[in-house]
Amino acid sequence: MFMSDSRFNTQMFTSDDSFDQIYPQGMQQLSKRHWTPLQIATASAAFLAHKPGTRILDIGSGVGKFCLIGAHFHPDSYFYGIEQRKELYLYARNAKEVLKMDNADFICGNFTRFNAGQYDSFYFYNSFFEHLKPEDGIDQQIDYSPDLYDYYTCYLQDIMDQRVSGTRFVTYYSMGDEVPDSYQLVDASDDMLLKMWIKR
C-alpha cells in the first residue's frame, strides 16, 4: 500500500526504481525496455510543455510513466496518453489515482481513432516497433505484422503533417519514418535516440 502525501510523491520522482514501484512486479520488469526512463521523460516533457496550458499526447502510453512524470514536473500543462491494451491503461489509471495527478489522463483505444487536433505537442516512444519484432513485444494480446507497422507509421506521419506550424514532436528510439519532412530537428541526445522536432 502506498502513502499519498507530497513527501512520498517527491521521492517517487527521484529515480526509475523508485517510480516503477507504483506498478506490479510484472510491469516493473518491463520498464527498462518498454517504459520511458525518468531522465528521458523529464527532458521530453520540458520541451513539449513549453508554455502553460499545453496539451501533450503520448501515442502508445503503456502504463502511463511518461505522462505522470511530465504532469508532476509541469503542473500547468496537461498530459494525455492513448493505449490500446486495456490492462496497461488500467495500470496507468491506477497510478494516476495513487499520485493524485489532476493534469494527467488516459484513453483506452487505438490512436487511429482519436482527434489529434485536440493536442498541441506529441510524444512517441516507438510503440509500433514491436510489429517488426514481435518476440520483443509486451505481450501477445494484439496482432503483430509488418503491414501494421507500415500502416501505423504512415498514419502518424499524415497526422503530424497536418498539425499547425510550431507543433512540437518528440521521438525516442525511433527510426524517423513517422516524422514528416515538414518538421525540423531542433535538438537531440548525444546518442541520437531522443530527438526533438518542431513543425516549420
N, C-alpha and C. Protein backbone atom coordinates (compact mmCIF):
# COMPACT_ATOMS: atom_id res chain seq x y z
N MET A 1 0.85 -1.20 0.00
CA MET A 1 0.00 0.00 0.00
C MET A 1 0.88 1.24 0.00
N PHE A 2 0.56 2.23 -0.83
CA PHE A 2 1.37 3.42 -0.97
C PHE A 2 0.82 4.57 -0.16
N MET A 3 1.72 5.36 0.43
CA MET A 3 1.32 6.63 1.01
C MET A 3 0.96 7.57 -0.14
N SER A 4 0.23 8.61 0.17
CA SER A 4 -0.14 9.55 -0.90
C SER A 4 0.22 10.98 -0.54
N ASP A 5 1.11 11.17 0.44
CA ASP A 5 1.46 12.53 0.81
C ASP A 5 2.51 13.09 -0.14
N SER A 6 2.77 14.41 -0.05
CA SER A 6 3.67 15.07 -1.00
C SER A 6 5.10 14.55 -0.87
N ARG A 7 5.51 14.16 0.34
CA ARG A 7 6.87 13.64 0.52
C ARG A 7 7.05 12.35 -0.26
N PHE A 8 6.05 11.48 -0.19
CA PHE A 8 6.11 10.24 -0.96
C PHE A 8 6.17 10.54 -2.46
N ASN A 9 5.32 11.45 -2.91
CA ASN A 9 5.30 11.78 -4.33
C ASN A 9 6.64 12.30 -4.80
N THR A 10 7.28 13.16 -4.00
CA THR A 10 8.58 13.70 -4.37
C THR A 10 9.62 12.58 -4.48
N GLN A 11 9.61 11.66 -3.53
CA GLN A 11 10.56 10.54 -3.57
C GLN A 11 10.35 9.66 -4.79
N MET A 12 9.11 9.53 -5.21
CA MET A 12 8.80 8.70 -6.37
C MET A 12 9.52 9.17 -7.63
N PHE A 13 9.79 10.46 -7.73
CA PHE A 13 10.32 11.04 -8.96
C PHE A 13 11.83 11.27 -8.90
N THR A 14 12.52 10.53 -8.05
CA THR A 14 13.97 10.69 -7.93
C THR A 14 14.76 9.65 -8.73
N SER A 15 14.13 8.54 -9.09
CA SER A 15 14.83 7.50 -9.87
C SER A 15 13.79 6.59 -10.52
N ASP A 16 14.24 5.86 -11.54
CA ASP A 16 13.34 4.91 -12.20
C ASP A 16 12.90 3.82 -11.24
N ASP A 17 13.83 3.31 -10.43
CA ASP A 17 13.47 2.25 -9.49
C ASP A 17 12.40 2.71 -8.52
N SER A 18 12.52 3.94 -8.04
CA SER A 18 11.53 4.48 -7.11
C SER A 18 10.17 4.63 -7.78
N PHE A 19 10.18 5.19 -8.98
CA PHE A 19 8.90 5.42 -9.67
C PHE A 19 8.23 4.11 -10.03
N ASP A 20 8.99 3.16 -10.53
CA ASP A 20 8.41 1.91 -11.03
C ASP A 20 7.75 1.09 -9.93
N GLN A 21 8.04 1.38 -8.68
CA GLN A 21 7.42 0.64 -7.58
C GLN A 21 5.91 0.84 -7.52
N ILE A 22 5.41 1.84 -8.21
CA ILE A 22 3.96 2.08 -8.22
C ILE A 22 3.22 1.01 -9.02
N TYR A 23 3.96 0.26 -9.83
CA TYR A 23 3.37 -0.77 -10.68
C TYR A 23 3.61 -2.17 -10.12
N PRO A 24 2.80 -3.14 -10.54
CA PRO A 24 3.05 -4.54 -10.14
C PRO A 24 4.41 -5.03 -10.65
N GLN A 25 4.88 -6.08 -10.04
CA GLN A 25 6.22 -6.61 -10.35
C GLN A 25 6.39 -6.89 -11.84
N GLY A 26 5.38 -7.47 -12.45
CA GLY A 26 5.50 -7.80 -13.88
C GLY A 26 5.70 -6.57 -14.74
N MET A 27 5.05 -5.47 -14.39
CA MET A 27 5.20 -4.23 -15.14
C MET A 27 6.56 -3.59 -14.86
N GLN A 28 7.05 -3.73 -13.63
CA GLN A 28 8.38 -3.22 -13.30
C GLN A 28 9.44 -3.91 -14.15
N GLN A 29 9.27 -5.20 -14.39
CA GLN A 29 10.25 -5.95 -15.17
C GLN A 29 10.29 -5.52 -16.63
N LEU A 30 9.20 -4.93 -17.11
CA LEU A 30 9.14 -4.45 -18.49
C LEU A 30 9.70 -3.04 -18.65
N SER A 31 9.98 -2.38 -17.53
CA SER A 31 10.27 -0.96 -17.56
C SER A 31 11.48 -0.60 -18.41
N LYS A 32 12.59 -1.29 -18.22
CA LYS A 32 13.82 -0.89 -18.91
C LYS A 32 13.70 -0.95 -20.43
N ARG A 33 12.84 -1.82 -20.90
CA ARG A 33 12.72 -1.97 -22.36
C ARG A 33 11.53 -1.21 -22.94
N HIS A 34 10.46 -1.07 -22.17
CA HIS A 34 9.23 -0.56 -22.76
C HIS A 34 8.70 0.75 -22.18
N TRP A 35 9.12 1.16 -20.99
CA TRP A 35 8.61 2.40 -20.42
C TRP A 35 9.69 3.48 -20.46
N THR A 36 9.29 4.70 -20.66
CA THR A 36 10.23 5.81 -20.81
C THR A 36 11.06 6.01 -19.54
N PRO A 37 12.38 6.07 -19.65
CA PRO A 37 13.22 6.35 -18.47
C PRO A 37 12.94 7.75 -17.92
N LEU A 38 13.11 7.91 -16.62
CA LEU A 38 12.84 9.17 -15.94
C LEU A 38 13.58 10.34 -16.59
N GLN A 39 14.85 10.16 -16.88
CA GLN A 39 15.66 11.24 -17.45
C GLN A 39 15.13 11.66 -18.83
N ILE A 40 14.73 10.69 -19.63
CA ILE A 40 14.18 10.97 -20.96
C ILE A 40 12.83 11.66 -20.83
N ALA A 41 12.02 11.18 -19.90
CA ALA A 41 10.69 11.77 -19.71
C ALA A 41 10.78 13.23 -19.27
N THR A 42 11.69 13.54 -18.36
CA THR A 42 11.80 14.92 -17.88
C THR A 42 12.31 15.84 -18.98
N ALA A 43 13.28 15.39 -19.77
CA ALA A 43 13.79 16.22 -20.87
C ALA A 43 12.72 16.41 -21.94
N SER A 44 12.01 15.36 -22.26
CA SER A 44 10.97 15.44 -23.30
C SER A 44 9.83 16.34 -22.85
N ALA A 45 9.40 16.19 -21.61
CA ALA A 45 8.29 16.99 -21.10
C ALA A 45 8.64 18.47 -21.06
N ALA A 46 9.89 18.77 -20.71
CA ALA A 46 10.31 20.18 -20.66
C ALA A 46 10.24 20.82 -22.03
N PHE A 47 10.55 20.06 -23.08
CA PHE A 47 10.47 20.58 -24.44
C PHE A 47 9.02 20.70 -24.91
N LEU A 48 8.22 19.70 -24.61
CA LEU A 48 6.84 19.67 -25.12
C LEU A 48 5.92 20.63 -24.39
N ALA A 49 6.12 20.77 -23.08
CA ALA A 49 5.28 21.66 -22.26
C ALA A 49 5.91 23.04 -22.21
N HIS A 50 6.05 23.67 -23.37
CA HIS A 50 6.84 24.90 -23.47
C HIS A 50 6.09 26.14 -23.01
N LYS A 51 4.77 26.01 -22.80
CA LYS A 51 4.02 27.15 -22.28
C LYS A 51 2.83 26.62 -21.48
N PRO A 52 2.34 27.38 -20.51
CA PRO A 52 1.21 26.93 -19.69
C PRO A 52 0.00 26.60 -20.55
N GLY A 53 -0.70 25.55 -20.16
CA GLY A 53 -1.91 25.15 -20.88
C GLY A 53 -1.68 24.22 -22.04
N THR A 54 -0.42 23.87 -22.32
CA THR A 54 -0.12 22.97 -23.43
C THR A 54 -0.73 21.60 -23.18
N ARG A 55 -1.30 21.02 -24.23
CA ARG A 55 -1.90 19.68 -24.15
C ARG A 55 -1.01 18.72 -24.93
N ILE A 56 -0.44 17.76 -24.20
CA ILE A 56 0.54 16.83 -24.77
C ILE A 56 -0.07 15.43 -24.85
N LEU A 57 0.12 14.76 -25.97
CA LEU A 57 -0.37 13.40 -26.15
C LEU A 57 0.79 12.43 -26.32
N ASP A 58 0.77 11.36 -25.53
CA ASP A 58 1.71 10.24 -25.66
C ASP A 58 1.01 9.15 -26.46
N ILE A 59 1.56 8.82 -27.63
CA ILE A 59 0.97 7.82 -28.52
C ILE A 59 1.53 6.44 -28.20
N GLY A 60 0.70 5.59 -27.59
CA GLY A 60 1.14 4.30 -27.10
C GLY A 60 1.72 4.47 -25.71
N SER A 61 0.88 4.88 -24.77
CA SER A 61 1.37 5.36 -23.47
C SER A 61 1.65 4.26 -22.45
N GLY A 62 1.36 3.00 -22.78
CA GLY A 62 1.70 1.92 -21.86
C GLY A 62 1.06 2.12 -20.49
N VAL A 63 1.88 2.03 -19.45
CA VAL A 63 1.39 2.18 -18.07
C VAL A 63 1.39 3.63 -17.61
N GLY A 64 1.64 4.56 -18.54
CA GLY A 64 1.48 5.98 -18.23
C GLY A 64 2.68 6.68 -17.64
N LYS A 65 3.84 6.06 -17.67
CA LYS A 65 5.00 6.62 -16.97
C LYS A 65 5.38 8.00 -17.49
N PHE A 66 5.48 8.17 -18.81
CA PHE A 66 5.86 9.48 -19.34
C PHE A 66 4.87 10.56 -18.92
N CYS A 67 3.59 10.28 -19.08
CA CYS A 67 2.57 11.28 -18.76
C CYS A 67 2.61 11.69 -17.29
N LEU A 68 2.77 10.73 -16.41
CA LEU A 68 2.75 11.02 -14.98
C LEU A 68 3.99 11.81 -14.55
N ILE A 69 5.13 11.48 -15.13
CA ILE A 69 6.34 12.24 -14.83
C ILE A 69 6.21 13.67 -15.38
N GLY A 70 5.74 13.78 -16.61
CA GLY A 70 5.55 15.11 -17.20
C GLY A 70 4.57 15.95 -16.40
N ALA A 71 3.47 15.34 -15.98
CA ALA A 71 2.46 16.06 -15.22
C ALA A 71 2.98 16.52 -13.87
N HIS A 72 3.84 15.73 -13.27
CA HIS A 72 4.42 16.10 -11.98
C HIS A 72 5.30 17.34 -12.10
N PHE A 73 6.14 17.38 -13.12
CA PHE A 73 7.09 18.48 -13.26
C PHE A 73 6.50 19.70 -13.97
N HIS A 74 5.35 19.53 -14.61
CA HIS A 74 4.74 20.64 -15.35
C HIS A 74 3.26 20.73 -15.00
N PRO A 75 2.95 21.17 -13.80
CA PRO A 75 1.55 21.19 -13.33
C PRO A 75 0.65 22.14 -14.11
N ASP A 76 1.22 23.05 -14.92
CA ASP A 76 0.41 23.98 -15.71
C ASP A 76 0.10 23.46 -17.11
N SER A 77 0.57 22.25 -17.42
CA SER A 77 0.26 21.63 -18.71
C SER A 77 -0.53 20.35 -18.46
N TYR A 78 -1.04 19.77 -19.56
CA TYR A 78 -1.92 18.61 -19.45
C TYR A 78 -1.35 17.47 -20.30
N PHE A 79 -1.21 16.32 -19.68
CA PHE A 79 -0.61 15.16 -20.34
C PHE A 79 -1.66 14.06 -20.51
N TYR A 80 -1.77 13.59 -21.75
CA TYR A 80 -2.74 12.55 -22.07
C TYR A 80 -2.00 11.39 -22.72
N GLY A 81 -2.45 10.19 -22.44
CA GLY A 81 -1.87 9.01 -23.07
C GLY A 81 -2.95 8.17 -23.70
N ILE A 82 -2.68 7.66 -24.90
CA ILE A 82 -3.61 6.73 -25.53
C ILE A 82 -2.93 5.37 -25.64
N GLU A 83 -3.64 4.34 -25.20
CA GLU A 83 -3.08 2.98 -25.13
C GLU A 83 -4.17 1.98 -25.48
N GLN A 84 -3.86 1.06 -26.41
CA GLN A 84 -4.88 0.12 -26.86
C GLN A 84 -5.02 -1.11 -25.96
N ARG A 85 -4.02 -1.40 -25.14
CA ARG A 85 -4.13 -2.54 -24.23
C ARG A 85 -4.86 -2.11 -22.95
N LYS A 86 -6.00 -2.72 -22.69
CA LYS A 86 -6.81 -2.30 -21.54
C LYS A 86 -6.07 -2.50 -20.22
N GLU A 87 -5.32 -3.59 -20.11
CA GLU A 87 -4.59 -3.86 -18.87
C GLU A 87 -3.61 -2.73 -18.55
N LEU A 88 -2.85 -2.30 -19.55
CA LEU A 88 -1.88 -1.23 -19.33
C LEU A 88 -2.59 0.09 -19.03
N TYR A 89 -3.67 0.34 -19.74
CA TYR A 89 -4.48 1.53 -19.48
C TYR A 89 -4.95 1.56 -18.02
N LEU A 90 -5.39 0.43 -17.51
CA LEU A 90 -5.87 0.37 -16.12
C LEU A 90 -4.74 0.59 -15.12
N TYR A 91 -3.55 0.09 -15.43
CA TYR A 91 -2.39 0.37 -14.56
C TYR A 91 -2.09 1.86 -14.54
N ALA A 92 -2.19 2.49 -15.71
CA ALA A 92 -1.94 3.94 -15.79
C ALA A 92 -2.98 4.70 -14.98
N ARG A 93 -4.23 4.33 -15.11
CA ARG A 93 -5.30 4.99 -14.34
C ARG A 93 -5.08 4.84 -12.84
N ASN A 94 -4.69 3.64 -12.43
CA ASN A 94 -4.46 3.41 -11.00
C ASN A 94 -3.31 4.25 -10.48
N ALA A 95 -2.23 4.32 -11.26
CA ALA A 95 -1.06 5.12 -10.85
C ALA A 95 -1.45 6.60 -10.74
N LYS A 96 -2.26 7.08 -11.66
CA LYS A 96 -2.75 8.47 -11.62
C LYS A 96 -3.52 8.72 -10.33
N GLU A 97 -4.35 7.78 -9.93
CA GLU A 97 -5.13 7.95 -8.70
C GLU A 97 -4.25 7.93 -7.47
N VAL A 98 -3.28 7.04 -7.44
CA VAL A 98 -2.37 6.97 -6.30
C VAL A 98 -1.59 8.27 -6.15
N LEU A 99 -1.14 8.82 -7.28
CA LEU A 99 -0.34 10.04 -7.27
C LEU A 99 -1.19 11.31 -7.19
N LYS A 100 -2.51 11.14 -7.31
CA LYS A 100 -3.44 12.28 -7.27
C LYS A 100 -3.04 13.34 -8.31
N MET A 101 -2.85 12.88 -9.53
CA MET A 101 -2.37 13.73 -10.61
C MET A 101 -3.55 14.25 -11.41
N ASP A 102 -3.92 15.50 -11.21
CA ASP A 102 -5.11 16.05 -11.86
C ASP A 102 -4.86 16.47 -13.31
N ASN A 103 -3.61 16.66 -13.69
CA ASN A 103 -3.31 17.13 -15.05
C ASN A 103 -2.76 16.03 -15.95
N ALA A 104 -3.11 14.78 -15.63
CA ALA A 104 -2.80 13.64 -16.49
C ALA A 104 -4.06 12.81 -16.65
N ASP A 105 -4.26 12.27 -17.85
CA ASP A 105 -5.41 11.40 -18.06
C ASP A 105 -5.07 10.41 -19.17
N PHE A 106 -5.86 9.34 -19.25
CA PHE A 106 -5.55 8.26 -20.18
C PHE A 106 -6.80 7.82 -20.95
N ILE A 107 -6.56 7.41 -22.18
CA ILE A 107 -7.61 6.98 -23.10
C ILE A 107 -7.30 5.54 -23.49
N CYS A 108 -8.29 4.66 -23.45
CA CYS A 108 -8.11 3.29 -23.90
C CYS A 108 -8.64 3.18 -25.32
N GLY A 109 -7.74 2.91 -26.25
CA GLY A 109 -8.17 2.79 -27.64
C GLY A 109 -6.99 2.85 -28.59
N ASN A 110 -7.28 2.72 -29.87
CA ASN A 110 -6.27 2.77 -30.92
C ASN A 110 -6.10 4.21 -31.38
N PHE A 111 -4.87 4.64 -31.56
CA PHE A 111 -4.60 6.05 -31.86
C PHE A 111 -5.16 6.48 -33.21
N THR A 112 -5.48 5.52 -34.08
CA THR A 112 -6.04 5.89 -35.38
C THR A 112 -7.50 6.33 -35.27
N ARG A 113 -8.06 6.24 -34.06
CA ARG A 113 -9.47 6.62 -33.87
C ARG A 113 -9.61 7.79 -32.90
N PHE A 114 -8.64 8.69 -32.87
CA PHE A 114 -8.73 9.84 -31.98
C PHE A 114 -8.53 11.12 -32.79
N ASN A 115 -8.91 12.22 -32.18
CA ASN A 115 -8.81 13.52 -32.83
C ASN A 115 -7.51 14.22 -32.43
N ALA A 116 -6.53 14.19 -33.30
CA ALA A 116 -5.23 14.78 -32.99
C ALA A 116 -5.30 16.29 -32.85
N GLY A 117 -6.36 16.89 -33.39
CA GLY A 117 -6.48 18.34 -33.33
C GLY A 117 -6.67 18.89 -31.93
N GLN A 118 -6.95 18.02 -30.96
CA GLN A 118 -7.14 18.47 -29.59
C GLN A 118 -5.83 18.73 -28.86
N TYR A 119 -4.71 18.35 -29.47
CA TYR A 119 -3.42 18.38 -28.77
C TYR A 119 -2.43 19.32 -29.44
N ASP A 120 -1.51 19.84 -28.62
CA ASP A 120 -0.52 20.81 -29.10
C ASP A 120 0.84 20.19 -29.37
N SER A 121 1.20 19.17 -28.58
CA SER A 121 2.52 18.54 -28.67
C SER A 121 2.35 17.03 -28.56
N PHE A 122 3.33 16.29 -29.09
CA PHE A 122 3.20 14.84 -29.18
C PHE A 122 4.49 14.14 -28.76
N TYR A 123 4.32 13.00 -28.06
CA TYR A 123 5.46 12.18 -27.64
C TYR A 123 5.28 10.79 -28.22
N PHE A 124 6.39 10.20 -28.71
CA PHE A 124 6.31 8.89 -29.36
C PHE A 124 7.56 8.07 -29.04
N TYR A 125 7.36 7.05 -28.19
CA TYR A 125 8.44 6.12 -27.86
C TYR A 125 8.23 4.85 -28.68
N ASN A 126 8.37 4.98 -29.99
CA ASN A 126 8.28 3.92 -30.99
C ASN A 126 7.44 2.72 -30.57
N SER A 127 6.18 2.99 -30.28
CA SER A 127 5.27 1.92 -29.88
C SER A 127 4.89 0.99 -31.02
N PHE A 128 5.31 1.32 -32.25
CA PHE A 128 4.99 0.46 -33.40
C PHE A 128 6.05 -0.62 -33.64
N PHE A 129 7.23 -0.47 -33.06
CA PHE A 129 8.37 -1.32 -33.41
C PHE A 129 8.11 -2.79 -33.11
N GLU A 130 7.27 -3.08 -32.12
CA GLU A 130 7.02 -4.48 -31.78
C GLU A 130 6.35 -5.22 -32.94
N HIS A 131 5.79 -4.51 -33.90
CA HIS A 131 5.23 -5.18 -35.07
C HIS A 131 6.32 -5.73 -35.98
N LEU A 132 7.51 -5.19 -35.88
CA LEU A 132 8.65 -5.69 -36.66
C LEU A 132 9.38 -6.80 -35.91
N LYS A 133 9.34 -6.76 -34.57
CA LYS A 133 10.00 -7.78 -33.75
C LYS A 133 9.04 -8.24 -32.66
N PRO A 134 8.04 -9.03 -33.01
CA PRO A 134 7.03 -9.43 -32.02
C PRO A 134 7.60 -10.20 -30.84
N GLU A 135 8.77 -10.83 -31.04
CA GLU A 135 9.38 -11.55 -29.92
C GLU A 135 9.79 -10.60 -28.80
N ASP A 136 9.93 -9.31 -29.13
CA ASP A 136 10.27 -8.30 -28.13
C ASP A 136 9.04 -7.51 -27.68
N GLY A 137 7.87 -7.97 -28.07
CA GLY A 137 6.64 -7.26 -27.72
C GLY A 137 6.31 -7.37 -26.24
N ILE A 138 5.39 -6.54 -25.81
CA ILE A 138 4.98 -6.51 -24.40
C ILE A 138 4.25 -7.78 -24.02
N ASP A 139 3.38 -8.26 -24.91
CA ASP A 139 2.58 -9.46 -24.64
C ASP A 139 2.05 -9.98 -25.97
N GLN A 140 1.13 -10.92 -25.91
CA GLN A 140 0.54 -11.49 -27.12
C GLN A 140 -0.93 -11.11 -27.27
N GLN A 141 -1.31 -9.98 -26.70
CA GLN A 141 -2.71 -9.57 -26.70
C GLN A 141 -3.14 -8.85 -27.97
N ILE A 142 -2.19 -8.47 -28.82
CA ILE A 142 -2.54 -7.78 -30.06
C ILE A 142 -1.96 -8.54 -31.25
N ASP A 143 -2.48 -8.25 -32.42
CA ASP A 143 -1.95 -8.84 -33.65
C ASP A 143 -0.69 -8.08 -34.06
N TYR A 144 0.33 -8.83 -34.45
CA TYR A 144 1.58 -8.23 -34.90
C TYR A 144 1.77 -8.48 -36.39
N SER A 145 2.24 -7.46 -37.11
CA SER A 145 2.58 -7.67 -38.52
C SER A 145 3.35 -6.47 -39.03
N PRO A 146 4.28 -6.69 -39.97
CA PRO A 146 4.97 -5.56 -40.61
C PRO A 146 4.01 -4.62 -41.33
N ASP A 147 2.91 -5.18 -41.84
CA ASP A 147 1.92 -4.34 -42.52
C ASP A 147 1.30 -3.33 -41.55
N LEU A 148 1.06 -3.77 -40.32
CA LEU A 148 0.52 -2.84 -39.31
C LEU A 148 1.54 -1.78 -38.97
N TYR A 149 2.82 -2.16 -38.91
CA TYR A 149 3.87 -1.17 -38.67
C TYR A 149 3.82 -0.10 -39.75
N ASP A 150 3.74 -0.51 -41.00
CA ASP A 150 3.71 0.44 -42.11
C ASP A 150 2.45 1.31 -42.05
N TYR A 151 1.32 0.68 -41.75
CA TYR A 151 0.06 1.42 -41.70
C TYR A 151 0.09 2.46 -40.59
N TYR A 152 0.49 2.06 -39.39
CA TYR A 152 0.53 2.99 -38.26
C TYR A 152 1.53 4.11 -38.50
N THR A 153 2.67 3.76 -39.07
CA THR A 153 3.70 4.76 -39.33
C THR A 153 3.21 5.81 -40.32
N CYS A 154 2.60 5.36 -41.40
CA CYS A 154 2.08 6.31 -42.40
C CYS A 154 0.95 7.14 -41.82
N TYR A 155 0.12 6.52 -41.00
CA TYR A 155 -1.00 7.24 -40.40
C TYR A 155 -0.49 8.34 -39.48
N LEU A 156 0.50 8.02 -38.66
CA LEU A 156 1.06 9.02 -37.75
C LEU A 156 1.75 10.13 -38.54
N GLN A 157 2.47 9.75 -39.59
CA GLN A 157 3.12 10.78 -40.41
C GLN A 157 2.10 11.74 -40.99
N ASP A 158 0.98 11.22 -41.45
CA ASP A 158 -0.07 12.08 -42.00
C ASP A 158 -0.65 13.00 -40.93
N ILE A 159 -0.90 12.44 -39.76
CA ILE A 159 -1.43 13.25 -38.65
C ILE A 159 -0.50 14.41 -38.34
N MET A 160 0.78 14.09 -38.20
CA MET A 160 1.76 15.10 -37.81
C MET A 160 1.94 16.15 -38.90
N ASP A 161 1.82 15.73 -40.15
CA ASP A 161 1.99 16.68 -41.25
C ASP A 161 0.83 17.69 -41.30
N GLN A 162 -0.31 17.31 -40.75
CA GLN A 162 -1.48 18.18 -40.75
C GLN A 162 -1.51 19.15 -39.57
N ARG A 163 -0.58 18.99 -38.63
CA ARG A 163 -0.56 19.88 -37.47
C ARG A 163 -0.13 21.28 -37.88
N VAL A 164 -0.46 22.24 -37.05
CA VAL A 164 -0.11 23.64 -37.36
C VAL A 164 1.38 23.89 -37.18
N SER A 165 1.86 24.94 -37.81
CA SER A 165 3.25 25.34 -37.65
C SER A 165 3.55 25.60 -36.18
N GLY A 166 4.70 25.13 -35.73
CA GLY A 166 5.08 25.30 -34.33
C GLY A 166 4.78 24.10 -33.46
N THR A 167 4.05 23.10 -34.00
CA THR A 167 3.77 21.88 -33.25
C THR A 167 5.07 21.20 -32.85
N ARG A 168 5.13 20.75 -31.60
CA ARG A 168 6.33 20.08 -31.10
C ARG A 168 6.10 18.57 -31.05
N PHE A 169 7.17 17.84 -31.38
CA PHE A 169 7.09 16.38 -31.53
C PHE A 169 8.40 15.81 -30.98
N VAL A 170 8.30 14.86 -30.07
CA VAL A 170 9.48 14.17 -29.55
C VAL A 170 9.41 12.70 -29.94
N THR A 171 10.51 12.18 -30.48
CA THR A 171 10.60 10.75 -30.79
C THR A 171 11.75 10.15 -29.98
N TYR A 172 11.54 8.93 -29.52
CA TYR A 172 12.55 8.22 -28.74
C TYR A 172 12.67 6.80 -29.30
N TYR A 173 13.91 6.37 -29.59
CA TYR A 173 14.16 5.06 -30.19
C TYR A 173 13.35 4.89 -31.48
N SER A 174 13.28 5.92 -32.25
CA SER A 174 12.52 5.87 -33.49
C SER A 174 13.46 5.85 -34.69
N MET A 175 13.03 5.19 -35.75
CA MET A 175 13.80 5.20 -37.00
C MET A 175 13.49 6.44 -37.82
N GLY A 176 12.53 7.24 -37.36
CA GLY A 176 12.23 8.51 -38.02
C GLY A 176 11.24 8.42 -39.15
N ASP A 177 10.71 7.21 -39.43
CA ASP A 177 9.79 7.05 -40.56
C ASP A 177 8.51 7.85 -40.38
N GLU A 178 8.13 8.09 -39.12
CA GLU A 178 6.85 8.75 -38.85
C GLU A 178 6.97 10.27 -38.82
N VAL A 179 8.18 10.80 -38.99
CA VAL A 179 8.39 12.25 -38.93
C VAL A 179 8.32 12.84 -40.33
N PRO A 180 7.34 13.71 -40.60
CA PRO A 180 7.23 14.30 -41.95
C PRO A 180 8.40 15.25 -42.25
N ASP A 181 8.63 15.50 -43.52
CA ASP A 181 9.67 16.43 -43.94
C ASP A 181 9.39 17.85 -43.48
N SER A 182 8.15 18.12 -43.10
CA SER A 182 7.78 19.46 -42.65
C SER A 182 8.29 19.79 -41.24
N TYR A 183 8.92 18.82 -40.59
CA TYR A 183 9.45 19.04 -39.24
C TYR A 183 10.96 19.23 -39.27
N GLN A 184 11.42 20.14 -38.44
CA GLN A 184 12.84 20.42 -38.33
C GLN A 184 13.38 19.86 -37.01
N LEU A 185 14.49 19.15 -37.08
CA LEU A 185 15.14 18.65 -35.88
C LEU A 185 15.82 19.82 -35.17
N VAL A 186 15.45 20.07 -33.92
CA VAL A 186 15.99 21.23 -33.21
C VAL A 186 16.89 20.83 -32.03
N ASP A 187 16.80 19.58 -31.61
CA ASP A 187 17.67 19.12 -30.51
C ASP A 187 17.66 17.61 -30.49
N ALA A 188 18.71 17.02 -29.93
CA ALA A 188 18.80 15.57 -29.84
C ALA A 188 19.80 15.19 -28.75
N SER A 189 19.63 14.00 -28.22
CA SER A 189 20.60 13.49 -27.25
C SER A 189 21.89 13.12 -27.98
N ASP A 190 22.96 12.96 -27.24
CA ASP A 190 24.26 12.65 -27.85
C ASP A 190 24.21 11.35 -28.65
N ASP A 191 23.43 10.38 -28.19
CA ASP A 191 23.34 9.11 -28.91
C ASP A 191 22.27 9.12 -30.00
N MET A 192 21.60 10.25 -30.17
CA MET A 192 20.58 10.46 -31.20
C MET A 192 19.35 9.56 -31.03
N LEU A 193 19.17 8.99 -29.87
CA LEU A 193 17.98 8.18 -29.63
C LEU A 193 16.77 9.06 -29.31
N LEU A 194 17.02 10.17 -28.64
CA LEU A 194 15.98 11.13 -28.32
C LEU A 194 16.09 12.31 -29.27
N LYS A 195 15.00 12.62 -29.98
CA LYS A 195 15.03 13.71 -30.94
C LYS A 195 13.82 14.63 -30.72
N MET A 196 14.06 15.92 -30.85
CA MET A 196 13.03 16.93 -30.63
C MET A 196 12.82 17.71 -31.92
N TRP A 197 11.57 17.79 -32.33
CA TRP A 197 11.22 18.34 -33.62
C TRP A 197 10.20 19.48 -33.46
N ILE A 198 10.23 20.43 -34.41
CA ILE A 198 9.22 21.48 -34.47
C ILE A 198 8.77 21.61 -35.92
N LYS A 199 7.45 21.69 -36.11
CA LYS A 199 6.92 21.84 -37.47
C LYS A 199 7.20 23.24 -38.00
N ARG A 200 7.72 23.30 -39.19
CA ARG A 200 8.05 24.59 -39.82
C ARG A 200 6.77 25.39 -40.10
